C-alpha cells in the first residue's frame, strides 16, 4: 500500500485577517485509500473537489463527489469516513472557526509526506 502524501496551503485564516473562516487547499498524490478518523466539531465545514473523486460517509449516508461538487459537514456531526476513488485528489476545505474548537489540522498545523 502506497503512503499518502499530503500538501496543504492555507489560503485564508486568522493570519490573513479572517475572524470566522478558514480556507485551505489540499493536494494528495498519491491519495491513498482514504481516511477513517471520525471526529466532530462545532465548525461547519465544506470540502469542494477540484480534482479526483471520493466517497464521504456520515449521518447514515454516502456521498460520491467529483470535480465541481462539494460535501457539507454540519456543525457537531461526526464525519470523515472517506474513500478516495482516484490516485490523486485536490480540494478546498472551507470551515468556520469556532471558539470552542481545536485548531484545524491543516496548513502549517500539520506536516506530512
N, C-alpha and C. Protein backbone atom coordinates (compact mmCIF):
# COMPACT_ATOMS: atom_id res chain seq x y z
N UNK A 1 0.85 -1.19 0.00
CA UNK A 1 0.00 0.00 0.00
C UNK A 1 0.89 1.24 0.00
N UNK A 2 0.62 2.15 -0.92
CA UNK A 2 1.40 3.37 -1.06
C UNK A 2 1.02 4.39 0.01
N UNK A 3 2.02 5.05 0.58
CA UNK A 3 1.77 6.06 1.62
C UNK A 3 1.19 7.32 1.00
N UNK A 4 0.15 7.86 1.65
CA UNK A 4 -0.47 9.10 1.20
C UNK A 4 0.51 10.26 1.42
N UNK A 5 0.65 11.11 0.41
CA UNK A 5 1.49 12.30 0.53
C UNK A 5 0.57 13.51 0.42
N UNK A 6 0.55 14.33 1.46
CA UNK A 6 -0.36 15.47 1.51
C UNK A 6 0.41 16.78 1.47
N UNK A 7 -0.09 17.69 0.66
CA UNK A 7 0.45 19.05 0.59
C UNK A 7 -0.70 20.00 0.90
N UNK A 8 -0.51 20.85 1.91
CA UNK A 8 -1.53 21.80 2.33
C UNK A 8 -1.03 23.21 2.09
N UNK A 9 -1.96 24.09 1.72
CA UNK A 9 -1.63 25.50 1.61
C UNK A 9 -2.79 26.31 2.15
N UNK A 10 -2.54 27.04 3.22
CA UNK A 10 -3.57 27.88 3.80
C UNK A 10 -3.81 29.07 2.88
N UNK A 11 -5.07 29.31 2.55
CA UNK A 11 -5.44 30.44 1.68
C UNK A 11 -6.07 31.58 2.46
N UNK A 12 -6.72 31.24 3.58
CA UNK A 12 -7.38 32.26 4.38
C UNK A 12 -7.49 31.74 5.81
N UNK A 13 -7.03 32.55 6.77
CA UNK A 13 -7.16 32.20 8.18
C UNK A 13 -6.95 33.47 9.01
N UNK A 14 -6.77 33.31 10.32
CA UNK A 14 -6.60 34.46 11.20
C UNK A 14 -5.41 35.33 10.80
N UNK A 15 -4.35 34.68 10.29
CA UNK A 15 -3.17 35.45 9.88
C UNK A 15 -3.47 36.37 8.70
N UNK A 16 -4.52 36.08 7.94
CA UNK A 16 -4.93 36.91 6.81
C UNK A 16 -6.02 37.91 7.23
N UNK A 17 -6.41 37.89 8.50
CA UNK A 17 -7.43 38.80 8.99
C UNK A 17 -8.82 38.22 9.09
N UNK A 18 -8.98 36.95 8.72
CA UNK A 18 -10.31 36.33 8.81
C UNK A 18 -10.67 36.10 10.28
N UNK A 19 -11.89 36.38 10.64
CA UNK A 19 -12.34 36.16 12.02
C UNK A 19 -13.14 34.88 12.17
N UNK A 20 -13.85 34.45 11.13
CA UNK A 20 -14.73 33.28 11.25
C UNK A 20 -14.49 32.21 10.19
N UNK A 21 -13.57 32.44 9.23
CA UNK A 21 -13.37 31.48 8.16
C UNK A 21 -11.93 30.99 8.06
N UNK A 22 -11.82 29.74 7.67
CA UNK A 22 -10.52 29.14 7.36
C UNK A 22 -10.69 28.41 6.02
N UNK A 23 -9.78 28.67 5.09
CA UNK A 23 -9.81 28.01 3.78
C UNK A 23 -8.41 27.48 3.50
N UNK A 24 -8.34 26.22 3.10
CA UNK A 24 -7.05 25.70 2.65
C UNK A 24 -7.21 24.78 1.46
N UNK A 25 -6.13 24.71 0.69
CA UNK A 25 -6.05 23.85 -0.49
C UNK A 25 -5.25 22.61 -0.09
N UNK A 26 -5.78 21.44 -0.41
CA UNK A 26 -5.10 20.18 -0.14
C UNK A 26 -4.89 19.43 -1.44
N UNK A 27 -3.68 18.92 -1.62
CA UNK A 27 -3.36 18.06 -2.76
C UNK A 27 -2.79 16.76 -2.21
N UNK A 28 -3.37 15.65 -2.62
CA UNK A 28 -2.93 14.32 -2.20
C UNK A 28 -2.42 13.57 -3.44
N UNK A 29 -1.15 13.21 -3.44
CA UNK A 29 -0.57 12.49 -4.57
C UNK A 29 0.57 11.61 -4.08
N UNK A 30 0.33 10.34 -3.87
CA UNK A 30 -0.91 9.62 -4.12
C UNK A 30 -1.92 9.86 -3.01
N UNK A 31 -3.19 9.69 -3.35
CA UNK A 31 -4.26 9.95 -2.40
C UNK A 31 -4.38 8.86 -1.34
N UNK A 32 -3.97 7.65 -1.66
CA UNK A 32 -4.15 6.56 -0.72
C UNK A 32 -5.59 6.08 -0.74
N UNK A 33 -5.95 5.29 0.26
CA UNK A 33 -7.28 4.69 0.31
C UNK A 33 -8.35 5.63 0.86
N UNK A 34 -7.97 6.51 1.76
CA UNK A 34 -8.93 7.42 2.38
C UNK A 34 -8.64 7.63 3.85
N UNK A 35 -9.62 8.17 4.56
CA UNK A 35 -9.48 8.45 5.99
C UNK A 35 -10.50 7.65 6.77
N UNK A 36 -10.15 7.27 7.97
CA UNK A 36 -11.10 6.61 8.83
C UNK A 36 -11.29 7.33 10.15
N UNK A 37 -10.50 8.39 10.37
CA UNK A 37 -10.53 9.11 11.65
C UNK A 37 -11.84 9.90 11.78
N UNK A 38 -12.74 9.39 12.59
CA UNK A 38 -14.02 10.06 12.82
C UNK A 38 -13.84 11.17 13.85
N UNK A 39 -14.49 12.28 13.62
CA UNK A 39 -14.44 13.40 14.56
C UNK A 39 -15.66 14.30 14.34
N UNK A 40 -15.88 15.18 15.26
CA UNK A 40 -16.95 16.18 15.15
C UNK A 40 -16.42 17.48 15.74
N UNK A 41 -16.97 18.58 15.31
CA UNK A 41 -16.59 19.89 15.84
C UNK A 41 -17.75 20.85 15.63
N UNK A 42 -17.70 21.93 16.36
CA UNK A 42 -18.75 22.94 16.27
C UNK A 42 -18.75 23.62 14.89
N UNK A 43 -17.60 23.69 14.27
CA UNK A 43 -17.48 24.35 12.97
C UNK A 43 -18.32 23.67 11.90
N UNK A 44 -18.80 24.47 10.96
CA UNK A 44 -19.37 23.94 9.73
C UNK A 44 -18.21 23.81 8.75
N UNK A 45 -18.26 22.78 7.91
CA UNK A 45 -17.13 22.51 7.02
C UNK A 45 -17.63 22.05 5.65
N UNK A 46 -16.97 22.53 4.61
CA UNK A 46 -17.26 22.16 3.24
C UNK A 46 -15.97 21.65 2.60
N UNK A 47 -16.07 20.57 1.85
CA UNK A 47 -14.96 20.12 1.01
C UNK A 47 -15.43 20.24 -0.43
N UNK A 48 -14.74 21.10 -1.20
CA UNK A 48 -15.07 21.36 -2.60
C UNK A 48 -14.00 20.68 -3.46
N UNK A 49 -14.40 19.74 -4.29
CA UNK A 49 -13.48 18.93 -5.07
C UNK A 49 -13.05 19.67 -6.34
N UNK A 50 -11.73 19.78 -6.51
CA UNK A 50 -11.16 20.38 -7.72
C UNK A 50 -10.69 19.30 -8.69
N UNK A 51 -10.15 18.20 -8.15
CA UNK A 51 -9.63 17.12 -8.99
C UNK A 51 -9.79 15.81 -8.22
N UNK A 52 -10.25 14.76 -8.90
CA UNK A 52 -10.41 13.45 -8.28
C UNK A 52 -11.85 13.17 -7.89
N UNK A 53 -12.04 11.98 -7.33
CA UNK A 53 -13.36 11.55 -6.85
C UNK A 53 -13.22 10.86 -5.51
N UNK A 54 -14.22 11.04 -4.66
CA UNK A 54 -14.20 10.43 -3.34
C UNK A 54 -15.61 10.14 -2.87
N UNK A 55 -15.71 9.24 -1.89
CA UNK A 55 -16.97 8.97 -1.19
C UNK A 55 -16.79 9.35 0.26
N UNK A 56 -17.74 10.10 0.79
CA UNK A 56 -17.76 10.52 2.19
C UNK A 56 -19.00 9.90 2.83
N UNK A 57 -18.82 9.17 3.92
CA UNK A 57 -19.94 8.55 4.61
C UNK A 57 -20.08 9.19 5.99
N UNK A 58 -21.28 9.70 6.26
CA UNK A 58 -21.59 10.27 7.58
C UNK A 58 -23.10 10.40 7.70
N UNK A 59 -23.58 10.44 8.92
CA UNK A 59 -25.02 10.60 9.21
C UNK A 59 -25.86 9.57 8.45
N UNK A 60 -25.31 8.36 8.29
CA UNK A 60 -26.08 7.28 7.69
C UNK A 60 -26.18 7.29 6.18
N UNK A 61 -25.44 8.19 5.51
CA UNK A 61 -25.49 8.28 4.04
C UNK A 61 -24.09 8.33 3.46
N UNK A 62 -23.95 7.94 2.21
CA UNK A 62 -22.69 8.05 1.49
C UNK A 62 -22.88 9.01 0.33
N UNK A 63 -21.94 9.95 0.20
CA UNK A 63 -21.98 10.97 -0.84
C UNK A 63 -20.77 10.77 -1.75
N UNK A 64 -21.01 10.59 -3.04
CA UNK A 64 -19.92 10.47 -4.01
C UNK A 64 -19.79 11.82 -4.70
N UNK A 65 -18.59 12.40 -4.66
CA UNK A 65 -18.37 13.73 -5.23
C UNK A 65 -17.14 13.73 -6.12
N UNK A 66 -17.18 14.59 -7.14
CA UNK A 66 -16.08 14.76 -8.07
C UNK A 66 -15.88 16.24 -8.35
N UNK A 67 -15.07 16.57 -9.35
CA UNK A 67 -14.76 17.97 -9.66
C UNK A 67 -16.01 18.84 -9.80
N UNK A 68 -15.97 19.99 -9.14
CA UNK A 68 -17.08 20.93 -9.19
C UNK A 68 -18.20 20.62 -8.22
N UNK A 69 -18.02 19.58 -7.39
CA UNK A 69 -19.03 19.21 -6.40
C UNK A 69 -18.46 19.37 -5.00
N UNK A 70 -19.36 19.40 -4.02
CA UNK A 70 -18.91 19.56 -2.64
C UNK A 70 -19.69 18.65 -1.71
N UNK A 71 -19.12 18.50 -0.53
CA UNK A 71 -19.80 17.80 0.55
C UNK A 71 -19.78 18.75 1.75
N UNK A 72 -20.90 18.83 2.46
CA UNK A 72 -21.07 19.75 3.59
C UNK A 72 -21.22 18.94 4.87
N UNK A 73 -20.40 19.27 5.87
CA UNK A 73 -20.49 18.66 7.19
C UNK A 73 -21.10 19.69 8.14
N UNK A 74 -22.34 19.49 8.57
CA UNK A 74 -22.95 20.42 9.53
C UNK A 74 -22.22 20.41 10.87
N UNK A 75 -22.48 21.42 11.64
CA UNK A 75 -21.92 21.55 12.98
C UNK A 75 -22.26 20.33 13.84
N UNK A 76 -21.27 19.81 14.55
CA UNK A 76 -21.41 18.72 15.52
C UNK A 76 -21.87 17.39 14.93
N UNK A 77 -21.66 17.18 13.62
CA UNK A 77 -21.97 15.90 13.00
C UNK A 77 -20.67 15.11 12.83
N UNK A 78 -20.62 13.90 13.37
CA UNK A 78 -19.44 13.06 13.24
C UNK A 78 -19.24 12.72 11.76
N UNK A 79 -17.99 12.90 11.30
CA UNK A 79 -17.69 12.71 9.88
C UNK A 79 -16.22 12.34 9.67
N UNK A 80 -15.89 12.07 8.43
CA UNK A 80 -14.53 11.83 7.91
C UNK A 80 -14.27 10.40 7.53
N UNK A 81 -15.29 9.54 7.46
CA UNK A 81 -15.09 8.24 6.85
C UNK A 81 -15.08 8.48 5.34
N UNK A 82 -13.89 8.37 4.74
CA UNK A 82 -13.69 8.78 3.35
C UNK A 82 -12.97 7.70 2.57
N UNK A 83 -13.41 7.50 1.34
CA UNK A 83 -12.73 6.57 0.43
C UNK A 83 -12.38 7.35 -0.83
N UNK A 84 -11.08 7.40 -1.15
CA UNK A 84 -10.65 8.07 -2.38
C UNK A 84 -10.75 7.09 -3.53
N UNK A 85 -11.35 7.54 -4.63
CA UNK A 85 -11.61 6.69 -5.78
C UNK A 85 -10.64 6.92 -6.93
N UNK A 86 -9.77 7.91 -6.80
CA UNK A 86 -8.79 8.24 -7.83
C UNK A 86 -7.41 8.34 -7.19
N UNK A 87 -6.35 8.16 -7.97
CA UNK A 87 -5.00 8.18 -7.40
C UNK A 87 -4.57 9.55 -6.87
N UNK A 88 -5.15 10.63 -7.40
CA UNK A 88 -4.82 11.98 -6.95
C UNK A 88 -6.10 12.69 -6.53
N UNK A 89 -5.96 13.54 -5.52
CA UNK A 89 -7.09 14.38 -5.06
C UNK A 89 -6.59 15.80 -4.88
N UNK A 90 -7.44 16.75 -5.23
CA UNK A 90 -7.16 18.17 -4.99
C UNK A 90 -8.48 18.81 -4.60
N UNK A 91 -8.50 19.47 -3.43
CA UNK A 91 -9.76 20.04 -2.96
C UNK A 91 -9.52 21.22 -2.03
N UNK A 92 -10.56 22.04 -1.90
CA UNK A 92 -10.57 23.13 -0.95
C UNK A 92 -11.35 22.71 0.28
N UNK A 93 -10.87 23.08 1.45
CA UNK A 93 -11.62 22.94 2.69
C UNK A 93 -11.99 24.35 3.14
N UNK A 94 -13.27 24.57 3.35
CA UNK A 94 -13.78 25.85 3.83
C UNK A 94 -14.48 25.56 5.14
N UNK A 95 -14.03 26.19 6.20
CA UNK A 95 -14.51 25.85 7.53
C UNK A 95 -14.65 27.09 8.38
N UNK A 96 -15.71 27.12 9.17
CA UNK A 96 -15.83 28.22 10.13
C UNK A 96 -14.86 27.97 11.28
N UNK A 97 -14.45 29.03 11.93
CA UNK A 97 -13.60 28.92 13.12
C UNK A 97 -14.46 29.25 14.32
N UNK A 98 -14.64 28.28 15.18
CA UNK A 98 -15.50 28.45 16.35
C UNK A 98 -14.65 28.47 17.61
N UNK A 99 -15.05 29.27 18.61
CA UNK A 99 -14.24 29.45 19.82
C UNK A 99 -13.91 28.16 20.58
N UNK A 100 -14.80 27.20 20.61
CA UNK A 100 -14.58 26.00 21.41
C UNK A 100 -13.91 24.86 20.65
N UNK A 101 -13.62 25.05 19.37
CA UNK A 101 -13.00 24.00 18.56
C UNK A 101 -11.48 24.07 18.65
N UNK A 102 -10.86 22.91 18.48
CA UNK A 102 -9.40 22.86 18.34
C UNK A 102 -9.05 23.47 16.99
N UNK A 103 -7.80 23.90 16.85
CA UNK A 103 -7.36 24.43 15.57
C UNK A 103 -7.53 23.40 14.48
N UNK A 104 -7.82 23.86 13.29
CA UNK A 104 -7.96 22.98 12.13
C UNK A 104 -6.62 22.25 11.92
N UNK A 105 -6.69 20.96 11.64
CA UNK A 105 -5.48 20.14 11.50
C UNK A 105 -4.94 20.19 10.07
N UNK A 106 -4.62 21.37 9.60
CA UNK A 106 -4.14 21.50 8.23
C UNK A 106 -3.15 22.64 8.12
N UNK A 107 -2.73 22.90 6.90
CA UNK A 107 -1.81 24.01 6.66
C UNK A 107 -0.56 23.88 7.50
N UNK A 108 -0.15 24.96 8.13
CA UNK A 108 1.06 24.96 8.94
C UNK A 108 0.93 24.09 10.18
N UNK A 109 -0.30 23.72 10.53
CA UNK A 109 -0.51 22.91 11.74
C UNK A 109 -0.15 21.44 11.54
N UNK A 110 -0.02 20.97 10.31
CA UNK A 110 0.21 19.56 10.05
C UNK A 110 1.29 19.39 9.01
N UNK A 111 2.28 18.58 9.32
CA UNK A 111 3.37 18.28 8.39
C UNK A 111 3.28 16.80 8.05
N UNK A 112 3.11 16.48 6.77
CA UNK A 112 3.08 15.09 6.34
C UNK A 112 3.95 14.94 5.11
N UNK A 113 4.15 13.68 4.70
CA UNK A 113 4.83 13.44 3.45
C UNK A 113 6.18 12.87 3.59
